[in-house]
């Protein structure tokens, strides 16, 4: 599939800014990467590949994303840690009137204070990206993780 070079550069920039937002802990800016009626979910590969709807986390719309952030920042108590996202090149699988359907491999490394870094989550983003007046936004983001288990609890966005 041939895509416009500027569009590909915008996609690269979208993912770079997304990772930087999460890695820096700028969670208030996280919902700005999504459309108002978005669907964000974290789902095991087994369920995703089988077409099963059950997800570890499923959020519909920016208000739910903001509610999740409120819970993370105001009600959850956990040992603090840092995340580092390593994101691979994006494969554009389809381009049409409903946006771009893409797949992007990711790896999230977690570092707790006074402990060595560890792989926290690995998988692929399966996204529908749309062009809006504000730029590219995620209309759908499925964080499809390869393992059947997530260590401890899932706190911060993937």
N, C-alpha and C. Protein backbone atom coordinates (compact mmCIF):
# COMPACT_ATOMS: atom_id res chain seq x y z
N UNK A 1 0.85 -1.18 0.00
CA UNK A 1 0.00 0.00 0.00
C UNK A 1 0.89 1.24 0.00
N UNK A 2 0.61 2.15 -0.89
CA UNK A 2 1.38 3.40 -0.97
C UNK A 2 0.61 4.48 -0.23
N UNK A 3 1.29 5.16 0.68
CA UNK A 3 0.66 6.26 1.39
C UNK A 3 1.49 7.52 1.20
N UNK A 4 0.85 8.63 1.39
CA UNK A 4 1.50 9.92 1.29
C UNK A 4 2.62 10.02 2.33
N UNK A 5 3.77 10.50 1.93
CA UNK A 5 4.91 10.61 2.84
C UNK A 5 4.60 11.50 4.03
N UNK A 6 3.90 12.61 3.80
CA UNK A 6 3.56 13.50 4.91
C UNK A 6 2.63 12.82 5.90
N UNK A 7 1.69 12.03 5.40
CA UNK A 7 0.79 11.29 6.29
C UNK A 7 1.57 10.29 7.12
N UNK A 8 2.49 9.57 6.49
CA UNK A 8 3.31 8.61 7.24
C UNK A 8 4.12 9.33 8.32
N UNK A 9 4.67 10.49 8.00
CA UNK A 9 5.43 11.25 9.01
C UNK A 9 4.52 11.71 10.15
N UNK A 10 3.29 12.07 9.83
CA UNK A 10 2.34 12.45 10.88
C UNK A 10 2.02 11.27 11.79
N UNK A 11 1.92 10.07 11.22
CA UNK A 11 1.66 8.87 12.02
C UNK A 11 2.84 8.60 12.94
N UNK A 12 4.04 8.70 12.42
CA UNK A 12 5.24 8.51 13.23
C UNK A 12 5.25 9.51 14.38
N UNK A 13 4.92 10.75 14.08
CA UNK A 13 4.88 11.80 15.10
C UNK A 13 3.79 11.52 16.14
N UNK A 14 2.63 11.04 15.70
CA UNK A 14 1.54 10.72 16.62
C UNK A 14 2.00 9.69 17.66
N UNK A 15 2.63 8.62 17.19
CA UNK A 15 3.08 7.58 18.11
C UNK A 15 4.22 8.06 19.00
N UNK A 16 5.11 8.89 18.47
CA UNK A 16 6.22 9.42 19.28
C UNK A 16 5.67 10.32 20.39
N UNK A 17 4.72 11.17 20.04
CA UNK A 17 4.12 12.05 21.06
C UNK A 17 3.31 11.25 22.08
N UNK A 18 2.61 10.21 21.62
CA UNK A 18 1.83 9.34 22.51
C UNK A 18 2.75 8.69 23.55
N UNK A 19 3.85 8.10 23.09
CA UNK A 19 4.80 7.47 24.00
C UNK A 19 5.42 8.48 24.95
N UNK A 20 5.80 9.64 24.44
CA UNK A 20 6.41 10.67 25.28
C UNK A 20 5.44 11.14 26.36
N UNK A 21 4.18 11.27 26.01
CA UNK A 21 3.15 11.68 26.97
C UNK A 21 3.06 10.69 28.12
N UNK A 22 2.98 9.41 27.79
CA UNK A 22 2.85 8.38 28.83
C UNK A 22 4.14 8.22 29.62
N UNK A 23 5.28 8.25 28.93
CA UNK A 23 6.55 8.03 29.61
C UNK A 23 6.91 9.18 30.55
N UNK A 24 6.43 10.37 30.24
CA UNK A 24 6.72 11.52 31.10
C UNK A 24 5.70 11.67 32.23
N UNK A 25 4.66 10.84 32.20
CA UNK A 25 3.63 10.92 33.24
C UNK A 25 2.67 12.09 33.03
N UNK A 26 2.58 12.61 31.82
CA UNK A 26 1.68 13.72 31.50
C UNK A 26 0.29 13.17 31.17
N UNK A 27 -0.31 12.51 32.12
CA UNK A 27 -1.55 11.78 31.86
C UNK A 27 -2.73 12.68 31.53
N UNK A 28 -2.72 13.93 32.00
CA UNK A 28 -3.82 14.84 31.67
C UNK A 28 -3.92 15.06 30.17
N UNK A 29 -2.81 14.92 29.44
CA UNK A 29 -2.81 15.13 27.99
C UNK A 29 -3.16 13.86 27.23
N UNK A 30 -3.20 12.71 27.89
CA UNK A 30 -3.46 11.45 27.21
C UNK A 30 -4.77 11.43 26.43
N UNK A 31 -5.90 11.90 27.00
CA UNK A 31 -7.16 11.86 26.23
C UNK A 31 -7.14 12.71 24.96
N UNK A 32 -6.23 13.68 24.88
CA UNK A 32 -6.16 14.53 23.69
C UNK A 32 -5.72 13.77 22.44
N UNK A 33 -5.23 12.57 22.60
CA UNK A 33 -4.82 11.75 21.46
C UNK A 33 -6.00 11.01 20.83
N UNK A 34 -7.19 11.14 21.41
CA UNK A 34 -8.35 10.35 20.99
C UNK A 34 -9.50 11.24 20.52
N UNK A 35 -10.37 10.65 19.71
CA UNK A 35 -11.61 11.33 19.34
C UNK A 35 -12.56 11.27 20.54
N UNK A 36 -13.55 12.14 20.55
CA UNK A 36 -14.48 12.20 21.68
C UNK A 36 -15.23 10.88 21.89
N UNK A 37 -15.52 10.17 20.81
CA UNK A 37 -16.29 8.93 20.91
C UNK A 37 -15.40 7.69 20.74
N UNK A 38 -14.16 7.79 21.16
CA UNK A 38 -13.17 6.73 20.97
C UNK A 38 -13.52 5.45 21.74
N UNK A 39 -12.80 4.41 21.38
CA UNK A 39 -12.86 3.15 22.14
C UNK A 39 -11.41 2.73 22.40
N UNK A 40 -11.04 2.67 23.68
CA UNK A 40 -9.70 2.26 24.10
C UNK A 40 -9.86 0.98 24.90
N UNK A 41 -9.07 -0.02 24.53
CA UNK A 41 -9.15 -1.25 25.32
C UNK A 41 -7.80 -1.94 25.37
N UNK A 42 -7.61 -2.67 26.46
CA UNK A 42 -6.44 -3.50 26.66
C UNK A 42 -6.98 -4.92 26.70
N UNK A 43 -6.48 -5.75 25.80
CA UNK A 43 -7.09 -7.07 25.60
C UNK A 43 -6.01 -8.13 25.37
N UNK A 44 -6.14 -9.31 25.96
CA UNK A 44 -5.18 -10.37 25.69
C UNK A 44 -5.28 -10.85 24.24
N UNK A 45 -4.16 -11.23 23.71
CA UNK A 45 -4.09 -11.69 22.31
C UNK A 45 -5.09 -12.81 22.03
N UNK A 46 -5.19 -13.75 22.95
CA UNK A 46 -6.09 -14.90 22.76
C UNK A 46 -7.53 -14.43 22.51
N UNK A 47 -8.01 -13.50 23.32
CA UNK A 47 -9.38 -12.99 23.15
C UNK A 47 -9.51 -12.19 21.86
N UNK A 48 -8.52 -11.35 21.58
CA UNK A 48 -8.59 -10.51 20.38
C UNK A 48 -8.62 -11.38 19.12
N UNK A 49 -7.70 -12.33 19.04
CA UNK A 49 -7.61 -13.18 17.86
C UNK A 49 -8.86 -14.04 17.67
N UNK A 50 -9.53 -14.39 18.76
CA UNK A 50 -10.75 -15.20 18.68
C UNK A 50 -11.99 -14.33 18.46
N UNK A 51 -11.80 -13.00 18.42
CA UNK A 51 -12.93 -12.10 18.22
C UNK A 51 -13.83 -11.98 19.44
N UNK A 52 -13.29 -12.33 20.60
CA UNK A 52 -14.08 -12.26 21.84
C UNK A 52 -14.06 -10.83 22.38
N UNK A 53 -15.17 -10.35 22.91
CA UNK A 53 -15.25 -8.96 23.37
C UNK A 53 -14.62 -8.69 24.74
N UNK A 54 -14.37 -9.73 25.52
CA UNK A 54 -13.87 -9.53 26.88
C UNK A 54 -12.48 -8.90 26.85
N UNK A 55 -12.33 -7.78 27.55
CA UNK A 55 -11.06 -7.06 27.62
C UNK A 55 -10.67 -6.88 29.08
N UNK A 56 -9.38 -6.71 29.31
CA UNK A 56 -8.90 -6.42 30.65
C UNK A 56 -9.35 -5.02 31.07
N UNK A 57 -9.39 -4.11 30.11
CA UNK A 57 -9.83 -2.73 30.33
C UNK A 57 -10.51 -2.26 29.06
N UNK A 58 -11.69 -1.66 29.18
CA UNK A 58 -12.42 -1.17 28.02
C UNK A 58 -13.05 0.17 28.37
N UNK A 59 -12.67 1.21 27.64
CA UNK A 59 -13.15 2.55 27.90
C UNK A 59 -13.77 3.12 26.63
N UNK A 60 -14.95 3.69 26.75
CA UNK A 60 -15.66 4.26 25.60
C UNK A 60 -15.79 5.77 25.79
N UNK A 61 -15.13 6.55 24.95
CA UNK A 61 -15.25 8.00 24.97
C UNK A 61 -14.26 8.66 25.91
N UNK A 62 -13.95 9.90 25.58
CA UNK A 62 -12.98 10.68 26.36
C UNK A 62 -13.41 10.83 27.82
N UNK A 63 -14.72 11.01 28.13
CA UNK A 63 -15.09 11.10 29.55
C UNK A 63 -14.66 9.86 30.36
N UNK A 64 -14.75 8.67 29.77
CA UNK A 64 -14.31 7.47 30.48
C UNK A 64 -12.79 7.44 30.64
N UNK A 65 -12.07 7.95 29.63
CA UNK A 65 -10.61 8.03 29.74
C UNK A 65 -10.25 8.96 30.90
N UNK A 66 -10.92 10.10 30.97
CA UNK A 66 -10.64 11.06 32.05
C UNK A 66 -11.02 10.49 33.41
N UNK A 67 -12.11 9.73 33.47
CA UNK A 67 -12.51 9.09 34.72
C UNK A 67 -11.45 8.09 35.16
N UNK A 68 -10.92 7.34 34.23
CA UNK A 68 -9.85 6.38 34.55
C UNK A 68 -8.64 7.12 35.12
N UNK A 69 -8.28 8.24 34.51
CA UNK A 69 -7.14 9.02 35.00
C UNK A 69 -7.39 9.56 36.39
N UNK A 70 -8.63 9.98 36.66
CA UNK A 70 -8.97 10.45 38.00
C UNK A 70 -8.75 9.32 39.01
N UNK A 71 -9.17 8.12 38.65
CA UNK A 71 -8.96 6.98 39.53
C UNK A 71 -7.49 6.70 39.76
N UNK A 72 -6.69 6.78 38.70
CA UNK A 72 -5.25 6.52 38.81
C UNK A 72 -4.59 7.56 39.71
N UNK A 73 -4.94 8.82 39.51
CA UNK A 73 -4.25 9.90 40.21
C UNK A 73 -4.82 10.20 41.59
N UNK A 74 -6.08 9.84 41.84
CA UNK A 74 -6.72 10.28 43.08
C UNK A 74 -7.17 9.15 44.01
N UNK A 75 -7.36 7.96 43.51
CA UNK A 75 -7.92 6.94 44.38
C UNK A 75 -7.07 5.67 44.50
N UNK A 76 -6.21 5.40 43.54
CA UNK A 76 -5.39 4.19 43.60
C UNK A 76 -4.12 4.45 44.39
N UNK A 77 -3.77 3.52 45.24
CA UNK A 77 -2.52 3.61 45.98
C UNK A 77 -1.63 2.46 45.53
N UNK A 78 -0.43 2.81 45.08
CA UNK A 78 0.49 1.81 44.56
C UNK A 78 1.91 2.35 44.68
N UNK A 79 2.86 1.44 44.64
CA UNK A 79 4.26 1.86 44.63
C UNK A 79 4.54 2.54 43.30
N UNK A 80 5.11 3.74 43.33
CA UNK A 80 5.34 4.46 42.07
C UNK A 80 6.33 3.73 41.17
N UNK A 81 6.12 3.89 39.88
CA UNK A 81 7.04 3.32 38.91
C UNK A 81 7.02 4.17 37.64
N UNK A 82 8.03 3.96 36.82
CA UNK A 82 8.15 4.66 35.55
C UNK A 82 7.87 3.67 34.43
N UNK A 83 7.37 4.19 33.33
CA UNK A 83 7.16 3.38 32.15
C UNK A 83 8.02 3.92 31.02
N UNK A 84 8.45 3.04 30.14
CA UNK A 84 9.15 3.44 28.93
C UNK A 84 8.56 2.62 27.79
N UNK A 85 7.99 3.31 26.80
CA UNK A 85 7.39 2.66 25.64
C UNK A 85 8.41 2.60 24.50
N UNK A 86 8.61 1.43 23.97
CA UNK A 86 9.41 1.25 22.76
C UNK A 86 8.42 0.84 21.68
N UNK A 87 8.29 1.67 20.67
CA UNK A 87 7.25 1.47 19.65
C UNK A 87 7.91 1.24 18.30
N UNK A 88 7.48 0.18 17.63
CA UNK A 88 8.02 -0.16 16.32
C UNK A 88 7.37 0.63 15.20
N UNK A 89 7.82 0.39 13.99
CA UNK A 89 7.21 1.05 12.82
C UNK A 89 5.75 0.64 12.67
N UNK A 90 4.95 1.54 12.16
CA UNK A 90 3.52 1.29 11.97
C UNK A 90 3.24 0.71 10.60
N UNK A 91 2.50 -0.38 10.59
CA UNK A 91 2.04 -0.98 9.35
C UNK A 91 0.64 -0.44 9.06
N UNK A 92 0.47 0.19 7.92
CA UNK A 92 -0.85 0.66 7.52
C UNK A 92 -1.51 -0.47 6.76
N UNK A 93 -2.55 -1.04 7.35
CA UNK A 93 -3.20 -2.21 6.77
C UNK A 93 -4.31 -1.83 5.81
N UNK A 94 -4.92 -0.67 6.05
CA UNK A 94 -6.04 -0.26 5.21
C UNK A 94 -6.21 1.24 5.34
N UNK A 95 -6.58 1.86 4.25
CA UNK A 95 -6.84 3.30 4.25
C UNK A 95 -8.14 3.54 3.51
N UNK A 96 -9.09 4.20 4.17
CA UNK A 96 -10.39 4.42 3.55
C UNK A 96 -11.14 5.56 4.21
N UNK A 97 -12.43 5.63 3.93
CA UNK A 97 -13.27 6.70 4.48
C UNK A 97 -13.38 6.65 6.00
N UNK A 98 -13.18 5.47 6.60
CA UNK A 98 -13.27 5.33 8.05
C UNK A 98 -11.93 5.56 8.74
N UNK A 99 -10.94 6.02 7.99
CA UNK A 99 -9.63 6.29 8.57
C UNK A 99 -8.61 5.25 8.16
N UNK A 100 -7.55 5.18 8.93
CA UNK A 100 -6.45 4.26 8.68
C UNK A 100 -6.53 3.13 9.69
N UNK A 101 -6.44 1.91 9.22
CA UNK A 101 -6.34 0.76 10.12
C UNK A 101 -4.87 0.39 10.18
N UNK A 102 -4.31 0.40 11.39
CA UNK A 102 -2.87 0.21 11.54
C UNK A 102 -2.55 -0.82 12.61
N UNK A 103 -1.34 -1.37 12.53
CA UNK A 103 -0.79 -2.24 13.58
C UNK A 103 0.62 -1.77 13.88
N UNK A 104 0.93 -1.69 15.16
CA UNK A 104 2.23 -1.21 15.61
C UNK A 104 2.68 -2.03 16.81
N UNK A 105 3.84 -2.66 16.72
CA UNK A 105 4.36 -3.41 17.86
C UNK A 105 4.80 -2.45 18.96
N UNK A 106 4.62 -2.88 20.21
CA UNK A 106 5.07 -2.07 21.34
C UNK A 106 5.66 -2.96 22.43
N UNK A 107 6.47 -2.33 23.24
CA UNK A 107 7.04 -2.95 24.43
C UNK A 107 7.02 -1.89 25.52
N UNK A 108 6.51 -2.24 26.69
CA UNK A 108 6.50 -1.32 27.82
C UNK A 108 7.42 -1.89 28.90
N UNK A 109 8.42 -1.11 29.25
CA UNK A 109 9.36 -1.47 30.30
C UNK A 109 8.97 -0.69 31.55
N UNK A 110 8.92 -1.37 32.67
CA UNK A 110 8.56 -0.73 33.93
C UNK A 110 9.78 -0.70 34.84
N UNK A 111 9.98 0.45 35.48
CA UNK A 111 11.08 0.59 36.43
C UNK A 111 10.53 1.13 37.74
N UNK A 112 10.65 0.29 38.77
CA UNK A 112 10.29 0.74 40.12
C UNK A 112 11.54 1.29 40.77
N UNK A 113 11.37 2.20 41.69
CA UNK A 113 12.51 2.78 42.40
C UNK A 113 13.28 1.68 43.11
N UNK A 114 14.59 1.76 43.04
CA UNK A 114 15.49 0.81 43.71
C UNK A 114 15.35 -0.62 43.23
N UNK A 115 14.86 -0.80 41.98
CA UNK A 115 14.74 -2.14 41.42
C UNK A 115 15.16 -2.09 39.95
N UNK A 116 15.61 -3.21 39.42
CA UNK A 116 15.97 -3.22 38.00
C UNK A 116 14.72 -3.09 37.11
N UNK A 117 14.91 -2.59 35.93
CA UNK A 117 13.81 -2.49 34.96
C UNK A 117 13.37 -3.89 34.56
N UNK A 118 12.07 -4.00 34.20
CA UNK A 118 11.52 -5.28 33.78
C UNK A 118 10.52 -5.05 32.65
N UNK A 119 10.38 -6.06 31.81
CA UNK A 119 9.35 -5.98 30.77
C UNK A 119 8.00 -6.09 31.47
N UNK A 120 7.17 -5.09 31.24
CA UNK A 120 5.84 -5.06 31.86
C UNK A 120 4.79 -5.60 30.90
N UNK A 121 4.87 -5.18 29.63
CA UNK A 121 3.83 -5.55 28.68
C UNK A 121 4.41 -5.51 27.28
N UNK A 122 4.07 -6.49 26.47
CA UNK A 122 4.51 -6.53 25.08
C UNK A 122 3.33 -6.95 24.22
N UNK A 123 3.23 -6.35 23.05
CA UNK A 123 2.15 -6.70 22.16
C UNK A 123 2.11 -5.81 20.95
N UNK A 124 0.88 -5.55 20.51
CA UNK A 124 0.71 -4.69 19.34
C UNK A 124 -0.50 -3.79 19.55
N UNK A 125 -0.37 -2.56 19.04
CA UNK A 125 -1.51 -1.66 18.98
C UNK A 125 -2.25 -1.96 17.69
N UNK A 126 -3.54 -2.16 17.77
CA UNK A 126 -4.38 -2.27 16.59
C UNK A 126 -5.29 -1.04 16.64
N UNK A 127 -5.05 -0.11 15.73
CA UNK A 127 -5.68 1.20 15.82
C UNK A 127 -6.48 1.56 14.58
N UNK A 128 -7.47 2.39 14.80
CA UNK A 128 -8.13 3.12 13.71
C UNK A 128 -7.83 4.58 13.97
N UNK A 129 -7.09 5.17 13.07
CA UNK A 129 -6.65 6.55 13.19
C UNK A 129 -7.45 7.39 12.19
N UNK A 130 -7.96 8.52 12.66
CA UNK A 130 -8.73 9.40 11.77
C UNK A 130 -8.07 10.77 11.71
N UNK A 131 -8.35 11.46 10.61
CA UNK A 131 -7.85 12.82 10.43
C UNK A 131 -8.93 13.76 10.93
N UNK A 132 -8.57 14.63 11.87
CA UNK A 132 -9.49 15.62 12.41
C UNK A 132 -8.91 17.01 12.16
N UNK A 133 -9.69 18.06 12.38
CA UNK A 133 -9.13 19.41 12.23
C UNK A 133 -7.95 19.67 13.18
N UNK A 134 -7.89 18.94 14.30
CA UNK A 134 -6.80 19.09 15.26
C UNK A 134 -5.60 18.21 14.92
N UNK A 135 -5.71 17.39 13.88
CA UNK A 135 -4.64 16.47 13.51
C UNK A 135 -5.11 15.03 13.63
N UNK A 136 -4.18 14.10 13.57
CA UNK A 136 -4.52 12.68 13.68
C UNK A 136 -4.95 12.34 15.10
N UNK A 137 -5.99 11.51 15.21
CA UNK A 137 -6.48 11.06 16.51
C UNK A 137 -6.82 9.58 16.42
N UNK A 138 -6.75 8.91 17.57
CA UNK A 138 -7.15 7.51 17.65
C UNK A 138 -8.67 7.45 17.86
N UNK A 139 -9.36 6.82 16.93
CA UNK A 139 -10.79 6.57 17.11
C UNK A 139 -10.98 5.25 17.84
N UNK A 140 -10.07 4.32 17.58
CA UNK A 140 -10.05 3.03 18.29
C UNK A 140 -8.60 2.67 18.55
N UNK A 141 -8.33 2.23 19.76
CA UNK A 141 -6.99 1.74 20.11
C UNK A 141 -7.17 0.48 20.93
N UNK A 142 -6.71 -0.63 20.36
CA UNK A 142 -6.69 -1.90 21.08
C UNK A 142 -5.24 -2.22 21.39
N UNK A 143 -4.92 -2.30 22.66
CA UNK A 143 -3.58 -2.70 23.11
C UNK A 143 -3.65 -4.20 23.32
N UNK A 144 -3.22 -4.95 22.32
CA UNK A 144 -3.34 -6.40 22.32
C UNK A 144 -2.05 -6.98 22.87
N UNK A 145 -2.09 -7.44 24.13
CA UNK A 145 -0.86 -7.91 24.76
C UNK A 145 -0.71 -9.41 24.55
N UNK A 146 0.55 -9.84 24.39
CA UNK A 146 0.85 -11.22 24.02
C UNK A 146 0.70 -12.22 25.15
N UNK A 147 1.05 -11.83 26.36
CA UNK A 147 0.98 -12.73 27.50
C UNK A 147 -0.46 -12.87 27.98
N UNK A 148 -0.74 -13.96 28.64
CA UNK A 148 -2.07 -14.12 29.22
C UNK A 148 -2.16 -13.44 30.58
N UNK A 149 -1.01 -12.98 31.09
CA UNK A 149 -0.98 -12.35 32.40
C UNK A 149 -0.33 -10.97 32.33
N UNK A 150 -0.79 -10.07 33.19
CA UNK A 150 -0.14 -8.78 33.36
C UNK A 150 0.39 -8.79 34.79
N UNK A 151 1.69 -8.51 34.99
CA UNK A 151 2.20 -8.52 36.36
C UNK A 151 1.49 -7.48 37.24
N UNK A 152 1.18 -7.88 38.45
CA UNK A 152 0.49 -6.99 39.40
C UNK A 152 -0.78 -6.46 38.78
N UNK A 153 -0.95 -5.15 38.80
CA UNK A 153 -2.18 -4.59 38.25
C UNK A 153 -1.84 -3.60 37.14
N UNK A 154 -2.81 -3.41 36.29
CA UNK A 154 -2.68 -2.45 35.20
C UNK A 154 -3.14 -1.10 35.73
N UNK A 155 -2.21 -0.17 35.86
CA UNK A 155 -2.54 1.12 36.43
C UNK A 155 -2.51 2.21 35.37
N UNK A 156 -1.36 2.43 34.77
CA UNK A 156 -1.21 3.51 33.79
C UNK A 156 -1.62 3.03 32.41
N UNK A 157 -2.00 3.96 31.54
CA UNK A 157 -2.33 3.56 30.16
C UNK A 157 -1.14 2.88 29.48
N UNK A 158 -1.45 2.01 28.56
CA UNK A 158 -0.42 1.30 27.79
C UNK A 158 -0.12 2.10 26.54
